[in-house]
Amino acid sequence: MKILVLNSGSSSIKFKLFDNDEAIASGLVEKIGEKISNIELKNLKTSEKIQRELAIKNHEEGIKLVNELFAQSGILSDLSELDGCGHRVVHGGSNLTKHCIVNDDVLKEIERISHMAPLHNPAHLVGIKTMMSAAKNVPNVTVFDTAFHQSMPDYAYMYALPYEYYEKHQIRKYGFHGTSHSYVSKQAAKMLGKDINDFNAISAHLGNGASVCAIENGKCVDTSMGLTPLEGLIMGTRCGDMDPAVLPFLSKELNLSTDELDVIMNKKSGVYGICGYNDFRDIHAQIEQNDDKARLALDMFCYRLAKYIGSYYAILPRVDALIFTAGIGENDSKVREKVCKRLEHLGFKIDTTKNANLRSGQISQENSNIDILIVPTEEELEIAKITANLINCR
């Protein structure tokens, strides 16, 4: 089956084409709506690239150009040849709890809850509608970041706010990165020869956005992100957990609006807010130059991560594996080592030689009580598989 996976942003479209679970092409349309936009298509079998710079007014023009580049490359003569298109959607809210084939009701619900993910859902909606218009007979599937976390018990996802806020406004923890946590937990179970339905793990998805997930018998029982992707770990530019009373205090002290506070928490905080860098390669380079703020940012990030892993160790009846994934999780050996050293007394014993040299596989010592793994995430592949399964089950 030929499945196109789309991740539509407010000014971009990231895409990857799969043929029977094999990625055969990928690309990006960026700077949509600006004077000069970019589009790139890469043939993953030949490594050949097609690139253009031109003005792309909107997503509709972007998809039209994607179609043109596919035809030019010979990979796909027309989008109508696809068996399906899978769309990443950040927030499914309280009603869209499972991945599903798109219909009018699904579109209406994504639009209704767009205020819960204003930076993401409206753009996803545009991408879905554009694809539906461009290839009218191709079925579209929505894959929600929040779906994997719907197995959380109520005592894990509820906030201790007046209950009416949950009833009337659906204020609760939803969690994100679910597609990644689902994929890497299944891969980890395979690596260890275990049945996913009897597999317990703590999954750490560490990128510019970062989250931890507690998995019991293959299902999520808790996760660090909340109503929005802001809660939990310290991230690239997001503050993560803090005393909520900081917000009214800053509002009064600095005369800040709620929108200004939102920008501070999401775009000016995290490790960037501490040291001025959100790329961990830059942070490590600054530490080598004796930049104490960079040292502090790294220590804060690793400390918060270790706290979350420790708390999930406490609530799980047993932990089979600790999984590191995504950009930092897969590539930053220093972060992995610092975190595991803090947890060594709990049975997390890292092999420093393996950790320094591997980018995938087991990095724990033989006598470690818990297997420590690097599992590269493949969110697009997971979306392609979910899309194919749903289309086949129609």
Protein backbone atom coordinates (compact mmCIF):
# COMPACT_ATOMS: atom_id res chain seq x y z
CA MET A 1 0.00 0.00 0.00
CA LYS A 2 1.16 3.51 -0.77
CA ILE A 3 0.54 5.76 2.23
CA LEU A 4 1.44 9.44 2.44
CA VAL A 5 2.00 10.82 5.94
CA LEU A 6 1.44 14.55 6.43
CA ASN A 7 2.33 16.77 9.38
CA SER A 8 0.89 20.19 8.60
CA GLY A 9 2.09 23.24 10.50
CA SER A 10 0.91 26.84 10.30
CA SER A 11 3.51 27.65 7.60
CA SER A 12 4.85 24.22 6.66
CA ILE A 13 3.99 20.74 5.43
CA LYS A 14 6.28 17.86 6.32
CA PHE A 15 5.60 14.65 4.40
CA LYS A 16 6.86 11.10 3.91
CA LEU A 17 5.71 8.46 1.42
CA PHE A 18 5.62 4.78 2.38
CA ASP A 19 5.20 1.74 0.16
CA ASN A 20 4.28 -1.30 2.27
CA ASP A 21 5.91 0.19 5.38
CA GLU A 22 9.09 1.15 3.51
CA ALA A 23 9.83 4.88 3.34
CA ILE A 24 10.55 5.73 -0.29
CA ALA A 25 10.38 9.54 -0.30
CA SER A 26 10.26 12.48 2.08
CA GLY A 27 10.03 16.21 1.84
CA LEU A 28 9.16 19.57 3.29
CA VAL A 29 7.27 22.65 2.21
CA GLU A 30 8.28 25.57 4.42
CA LYS A 31 7.78 29.31 4.77
CA ILE A 32 4.28 29.07 3.31
CA GLY A 33 2.81 32.56 2.95
CA GLU A 34 6.19 34.33 2.91
CA LYS A 35 7.78 36.12 -0.06
CA ILE A 36 10.07 33.18 -0.76
CA SER A 37 9.03 29.65 0.17
CA ASN A 38 10.98 26.41 -0.12
CA ILE A 39 9.95 22.94 -1.22
CA GLU A 40 12.11 19.82 -1.25
CA LEU A 41 11.49 16.21 -2.25
CA LYS A 42 14.05 13.49 -1.59
CA ASN A 43 14.02 10.04 -3.17
CA LEU A 44 15.11 7.85 -0.24
CA LYS A 45 16.19 5.02 -2.54
CA THR A 46 18.49 7.05 -4.79
CA SER A 47 19.17 10.06 -2.48
CA GLU A 48 18.25 12.36 -5.38
CA LYS A 49 16.68 15.68 -4.40
CA ILE A 50 14.41 18.13 -6.16
CA GLN A 51 14.31 21.63 -4.68
CA ARG A 52 12.51 24.83 -5.61
CA GLU A 53 12.34 28.35 -4.22
CA LEU A 54 9.20 30.33 -5.07
CA ALA A 55 6.27 32.07 -3.43
CA ILE A 56 3.74 29.58 -2.04
CA LYS A 57 0.65 31.44 -0.90
CA ASN A 58 -1.12 28.71 1.07
CA HIS A 59 -1.28 25.00 1.90
CA GLU A 60 -3.38 24.29 -1.20
CA GLU A 61 -0.59 25.58 -3.44
CA GLY A 62 1.91 23.63 -1.33
CA ILE A 63 0.11 20.30 -1.85
CA LYS A 64 -0.25 21.06 -5.58
CA LEU A 65 3.54 21.51 -5.76
CA VAL A 66 4.13 18.31 -3.80
CA ASN A 67 2.04 16.54 -6.44
CA GLU A 68 4.11 18.15 -9.22
CA LEU A 69 7.42 17.15 -7.64
CA PHE A 70 6.25 13.56 -7.16
CA ALA A 71 5.34 13.40 -10.86
CA GLN A 72 8.65 15.02 -11.89
CA SER A 73 10.61 12.51 -9.83
CA GLY A 74 8.71 9.53 -11.21
CA ILE A 75 7.97 8.30 -7.69
CA LEU A 76 4.23 8.92 -7.97
CA SER A 77 2.42 10.21 -11.04
CA ASP A 78 -0.48 11.69 -9.06
CA LEU A 79 -1.70 11.88 -5.46
CA SER A 80 -4.86 10.07 -6.53
CA GLU A 81 -2.73 6.89 -6.81
CA LEU A 82 -2.32 6.80 -3.03
CA ASP A 83 -4.09 4.13 -1.00
CA GLY A 84 -4.41 6.55 1.90
CA CYS A 85 -3.09 9.62 3.68
CA GLY A 86 -2.33 9.71 7.40
CA HIS A 87 -2.33 13.02 9.27
CA ARG A 88 -0.64 13.71 12.56
CA VAL A 89 -3.03 15.65 14.81
CA VAL A 90 -1.70 16.92 18.12
CA HIS A 91 -4.92 17.12 20.15
CA GLY A 92 -7.96 14.86 20.00
CA GLY A 93 -9.69 16.27 23.08
CA SER A 94 -12.13 14.20 25.11
CA ASN A 95 -14.14 12.84 22.17
CA LEU A 96 -11.55 11.85 19.58
CA THR A 97 -9.92 9.17 21.73
CA LYS A 98 -8.96 6.79 18.91
CA HIS A 99 -7.27 7.16 15.53
CA CYS A 100 -9.96 7.26 12.86
CA ILE A 101 -10.89 7.70 9.21
CA VAL A 102 -11.83 11.30 8.50
CA ASN A 103 -15.45 12.27 8.00
CA ASP A 104 -17.43 15.48 8.54
CA ASP A 105 -17.95 14.77 12.25
CA VAL A 106 -14.21 14.30 12.79
CA LEU A 107 -13.44 17.58 11.01
CA LYS A 108 -16.02 19.43 13.10
CA GLU A 109 -14.63 18.04 16.35
CA ILE A 110 -11.01 18.90 15.47
CA GLU A 111 -12.21 22.44 14.74
CA ARG A 112 -14.27 22.60 17.95
CA ILE A 113 -11.27 21.76 20.14
CA SER A 114 -8.74 23.87 18.22
CA HIS A 115 -8.57 26.31 21.12
CA MET A 116 -6.93 23.51 23.15
CA ALA A 117 -3.99 23.37 20.71
CA PRO A 118 -4.12 26.71 18.86
CA LEU A 119 -0.60 26.39 17.43
CA HIS A 120 -1.25 22.95 15.95
CA ASN A 121 -4.84 21.81 15.36
CA PRO A 122 -5.94 24.64 13.04
CA ALA A 123 -2.93 23.93 10.80
CA HIS A 124 -3.62 20.18 10.86
CA LEU A 125 -7.20 20.90 9.85
CA VAL A 126 -6.06 22.97 6.87
CA GLY A 127 -3.73 20.15 5.81
CA ILE A 128 -6.49 17.53 6.02
CA LYS A 129 -8.99 19.61 4.06
CA THR A 130 -6.38 20.47 1.44
CA MET A 131 -5.50 16.82 0.92
CA MET A 132 -9.17 15.83 0.73
CA SER A 133 -9.66 18.43 -2.01
CA ALA A 134 -6.50 17.48 -3.92
CA ALA A 135 -7.22 13.73 -4.02
CA LYS A 136 -10.95 13.30 -3.52
CA ASN A 137 -11.05 9.49 -3.62
CA VAL A 138 -8.11 8.89 -1.25
CA PRO A 139 -9.19 8.05 2.32
CA ASN A 140 -7.68 10.24 5.04
CA VAL A 141 -6.87 9.08 8.57
CA THR A 142 -6.24 11.19 11.66
CA VAL A 143 -3.64 9.90 14.13
CA PHE A 144 -3.83 11.72 17.45
CA ASP A 145 -0.86 12.39 19.74
CA THR A 146 -3.28 12.09 22.65
CA ALA A 147 -4.83 8.70 21.74
CA PHE A 148 -2.19 6.44 23.34
CA HIS A 149 -2.70 8.18 26.68
CA GLN A 150 -6.45 7.54 26.85
CA SER A 151 -5.79 4.41 28.94
CA MET A 152 -4.71 6.56 31.91
CA PRO A 153 -6.90 6.05 35.00
CA ASP A 154 -8.97 9.01 36.16
CA TYR A 155 -6.83 9.59 39.26
CA ALA A 156 -3.82 10.08 36.95
CA TYR A 157 -5.40 12.41 34.43
CA MET A 158 -7.57 14.59 36.67
CA TYR A 159 -6.43 17.94 38.11
CA ALA A 160 -7.40 18.97 41.63
CA LEU A 161 -9.49 21.88 40.37
CA PRO A 162 -13.25 22.33 40.81
CA TYR A 163 -14.80 19.28 39.14
CA GLU A 164 -17.10 21.45 37.04
CA TYR A 165 -14.09 22.61 35.01
CA TYR A 166 -13.63 19.02 33.87
CA GLU A 167 -17.34 18.54 33.21
CA LYS A 168 -17.90 21.80 31.35
CA HIS A 169 -14.50 22.52 29.78
CA GLN A 170 -12.74 19.11 29.65
CA ILE A 171 -9.82 20.39 31.73
CA ARG A 172 -7.66 17.32 32.37
CA LYS A 173 -4.32 15.78 31.46
CA TYR A 174 -4.26 14.48 27.87
CA GLY A 175 -0.59 13.84 27.21
CA PHE A 176 1.29 14.09 23.91
CA HIS A 177 3.99 12.29 21.89
CA GLY A 178 1.67 9.28 22.14
CA THR A 179 2.51 7.98 18.66
CA SER A 180 6.21 7.96 19.55
CA HIS A 181 5.73 6.35 22.98
CA SER A 182 3.50 3.69 21.42
CA TYR A 183 6.00 2.90 18.66
CA VAL A 184 9.16 2.73 20.78
CA SER A 185 7.51 0.66 23.52
CA LYS A 186 6.51 -1.97 20.95
CA GLN A 187 9.99 -1.89 19.44
CA ALA A 188 11.58 -2.22 22.88
CA ALA A 189 9.41 -5.23 23.71
CA LYS A 190 10.52 -6.87 20.44
CA MET A 191 14.18 -6.13 21.20
CA LEU A 192 13.87 -7.86 24.56
CA GLY A 193 11.74 -10.74 23.29
CA LYS A 194 8.77 -9.77 25.43
CA ASP A 195 5.03 -9.69 24.77
CA ILE A 196 3.93 -6.05 24.59
CA ASN A 197 0.82 -6.95 26.62
CA ASP A 198 3.07 -8.02 29.50
CA PHE A 199 5.68 -5.29 29.10
CA ASN A 200 6.29 -2.45 31.58
CA ALA A 201 8.50 0.46 30.62
CA ILE A 202 9.34 4.08 31.18
CA SER A 203 9.66 5.87 27.86
CA ALA A 204 11.54 9.18 27.60
CA HIS A 205 10.89 11.09 24.38
CA LEU A 206 13.51 13.81 24.50
CA GLY A 207 13.58 16.44 21.78
CA ASN A 208 12.95 20.18 21.79
CA GLY A 209 9.63 19.03 23.21
CA ALA A 210 10.08 16.30 25.81
CA SER A 211 7.86 13.93 27.75
CA VAL A 212 8.00 10.76 29.84
CA CYS A 213 5.43 7.97 29.78
CA ALA A 214 4.76 5.17 32.26
CA ILE A 215 3.67 2.03 30.41
CA GLU A 216 2.08 -0.98 32.12
CA ASN A 217 1.17 -4.07 30.11
CA GLY A 218 1.75 -2.09 26.92
CA LYS A 219 -0.63 0.72 27.90
CA CYS A 220 -0.05 4.25 29.17
CA VAL A 221 -0.88 4.72 32.85
CA ASP A 222 0.68 8.18 33.26
CA THR A 223 2.58 10.77 31.26
CA SER A 224 4.29 14.06 32.01
CA MET A 225 2.55 16.42 29.55
CA GLY A 226 -0.91 17.67 30.48
CA LEU A 227 -3.80 19.68 29.03
CA THR A 228 -1.14 21.14 26.71
CA PRO A 229 2.45 20.11 25.89
CA LEU A 230 3.72 22.64 28.47
CA GLU A 231 3.46 20.51 31.62
CA GLY A 232 6.19 18.17 32.83
CA LEU A 233 9.85 18.17 31.85
CA ILE A 234 12.03 21.20 31.24
CA MET A 235 12.25 21.46 27.44
CA GLY A 236 14.01 23.47 24.77
CA THR A 237 11.94 26.63 25.20
CA ARG A 238 9.11 25.41 27.51
CA CYS A 239 9.30 25.77 31.28
CA GLY A 240 7.58 22.52 32.28
CA ASP A 241 6.34 22.15 35.86
CA MET A 242 6.44 25.17 38.15
CA ASP A 243 4.42 26.81 40.91
CA PRO A 244 1.30 28.12 39.10
CA ALA A 245 1.26 31.10 41.46
CA VAL A 246 4.27 32.41 39.51
CA LEU A 247 1.88 33.49 36.75
CA PRO A 248 -0.37 35.89 38.68
CA PHE A 249 2.74 37.16 40.49
CA LEU A 250 4.50 38.00 37.20
CA SER A 251 1.31 39.42 35.77
CA LYS A 252 1.03 41.90 38.62
CA GLU A 253 4.74 42.67 38.94
CA LEU A 254 5.39 43.22 35.22
CA ASN A 255 1.87 44.06 34.02
CA LEU A 256 1.85 41.08 31.64
CA SER A 257 -1.20 39.83 29.77
CA THR A 258 -2.16 36.16 29.59
CA ASP A 259 -0.92 36.04 25.98
CA GLU A 260 2.44 37.48 27.02
CA LEU A 261 2.73 34.94 29.83
CA ASP A 262 1.92 32.16 27.37
CA VAL A 263 4.72 33.29 25.05
CA ILE A 264 7.18 33.43 27.95
CA MET A 265 6.32 29.92 29.16
CA ASN A 266 6.29 28.29 25.71
CA LYS A 267 8.92 30.16 23.71
CA LYS A 268 11.30 31.96 26.09
CA SER A 269 11.76 29.48 28.93
CA GLY A 270 13.22 25.97 29.29
CA VAL A 271 16.94 25.54 28.85
CA TYR A 272 16.83 28.49 26.43
CA GLY A 273 15.50 30.73 29.19
CA ILE A 274 18.32 29.66 31.50
CA CYS A 275 21.33 29.84 29.18
CA GLY A 276 20.23 31.30 25.83
CA TYR A 277 20.53 28.03 23.88
CA ASN A 278 17.98 25.30 23.18
CA ASP A 279 20.18 23.06 21.01
CA PHE A 280 21.95 20.66 23.36
CA ARG A 281 25.01 20.55 21.10
CA ASP A 282 25.43 24.27 21.73
CA ILE A 283 24.84 23.76 25.46
CA HIS A 284 27.60 21.12 25.65
CA ALA A 285 29.94 23.38 23.68
CA GLN A 286 29.26 26.25 26.07
CA ILE A 287 29.90 24.02 29.08
CA GLU A 288 33.32 23.23 27.63
CA GLN A 289 33.88 27.00 27.60
CA ASN A 290 33.03 27.10 31.33
CA ASP A 291 29.63 28.73 30.79
CA ASP A 292 27.98 28.19 34.17
CA LYS A 293 24.48 28.97 32.92
CA ALA A 294 24.82 26.23 30.31
CA ARG A 295 25.96 23.85 33.07
CA LEU A 296 22.96 24.87 35.15
CA ALA A 297 20.53 24.34 32.24
CA LEU A 298 21.86 20.82 31.61
CA ASP A 299 21.78 19.92 35.30
CA MET A 300 18.21 21.19 35.63
CA PHE A 301 17.07 19.23 32.58
CA CYS A 302 18.63 15.97 33.76
CA TYR A 303 17.47 16.43 37.36
CA ARG A 304 13.83 16.96 36.32
CA LEU A 305 13.99 13.96 33.99
CA ALA A 306 15.44 11.73 36.72
CA LYS A 307 12.67 12.85 39.10
CA TYR A 308 9.97 11.85 36.64
CA ILE A 309 11.58 8.50 35.88
CA GLY A 310 11.88 7.85 39.62
CA SER A 311 8.23 8.72 40.21
CA TYR A 312 7.10 6.36 37.44
CA TYR A 313 9.35 3.64 38.84
CA ALA A 314 7.39 4.07 42.08
CA ILE A 315 3.92 3.63 40.52
CA LEU A 316 4.70 0.70 38.21
CA PRO A 317 4.55 -2.80 39.75
CA ARG A 318 7.74 -3.62 37.84
CA VAL A 319 9.94 -1.89 35.28
CA ASP A 320 11.35 -3.98 32.45
CA ALA A 321 13.02 -1.17 30.52
CA LEU A 322 13.93 2.48 30.39
CA ILE A 323 13.67 3.76 26.82
CA PHE A 324 15.49 6.82 25.46
CA THR A 325 14.21 8.17 22.13
CA ALA A 326 13.97 11.27 19.87
CA GLY A 327 16.75 13.76 19.07
CA ILE A 328 18.31 14.18 22.51
CA GLY A 329 17.35 10.72 23.74
CA GLU A 330 18.97 9.01 20.75
CA ASN A 331 22.05 11.20 20.33
CA ASP A 332 23.07 12.75 23.66
CA SER A 333 25.12 10.22 25.60
CA LYS A 334 25.92 12.74 28.34
CA VAL A 335 22.24 13.30 29.15
CA ARG A 336 21.60 9.55 29.28
CA GLU A 337 24.60 8.97 31.54
CA LYS A 338 23.82 11.83 33.93
CA VAL A 339 20.22 10.68 34.32
CA CYS A 340 21.04 6.99 34.82
CA LYS A 341 23.80 7.77 37.34
CA ARG A 342 21.21 9.56 39.48
CA LEU A 343 19.01 6.46 39.31
CA GLU A 344 21.71 3.84 39.85
CA HIS A 345 20.50 3.04 43.38
CA LEU A 346 17.16 1.99 41.87
CA GLY A 347 18.81 -0.57 39.61
CA PHE A 348 19.41 1.53 36.48
CA LYS A 349 23.03 0.65 35.66
CA ILE A 350 24.33 2.12 32.45
CA ASP A 351 27.28 0.74 30.47
CA THR A 352 29.24 3.91 29.74
CA THR A 353 31.15 2.36 26.81
CA LYS A 354 28.01 1.17 25.04
CA ASN A 355 26.28 4.45 25.87
CA ALA A 356 29.07 6.46 24.27
CA ASN A 357 29.14 4.43 21.06
CA LEU A 358 25.63 3.17 20.31
CA ARG A 359 22.75 5.07 18.73
CA SER A 360 20.36 2.14 18.97
CA GLY A 361 20.17 -0.90 21.21
CA GLN A 362 20.83 -1.94 24.79
CA ILE A 363 23.17 0.27 26.83
CA SER A 364 22.73 -1.22 30.31
CA GLN A 365 25.26 -3.28 32.22
CA GLU A 366 24.69 -7.05 32.39
CA ASN A 367 23.91 -6.82 36.11
CA SER A 368 21.43 -3.94 35.69
CA ASN A 369 18.02 -4.71 37.19
CA ILE A 370 16.41 -2.76 34.38
CA ASP A 371 17.27 -2.85 30.69
CA ILE A 372 18.26 0.58 29.39
CA LEU A 373 17.61 1.02 25.68
CA ILE A 374 18.05 3.54 22.89
CA VAL A 375 15.14 3.06 20.49
CA PRO A 376 15.02 5.42 17.48
CA THR A 377 11.50 6.72 17.04
CA GLU A 378 9.68 6.41 13.73
CA GLU A 379 6.48 8.37 14.23
CA GLU A 380 5.80 8.61 10.49
CA LEU A 381 6.09 4.84 10.10
CA GLU A 382 3.71 4.32 13.01
CA ILE A 383 1.23 6.74 11.41
CA ALA A 384 1.57 4.90 8.07
CA LYS A 385 0.88 1.54 9.76
CA ILE A 386 -2.14 2.89 11.65
CA THR A 387 -3.47 4.43 8.44
CA ALA A 388 -3.08 1.20 6.46
CA ASN A 389 -4.75 -0.85 9.21
CA LEU A 390 -7.75 1.46 9.44
CA ILE A 391 -8.19 1.55 5.67
CA ASN A 392 -8.00 -2.25 5.46
CA CYS A 393 -10.59 -2.59 8.23
CA ARG A 394 -13.16 -0.34 6.57
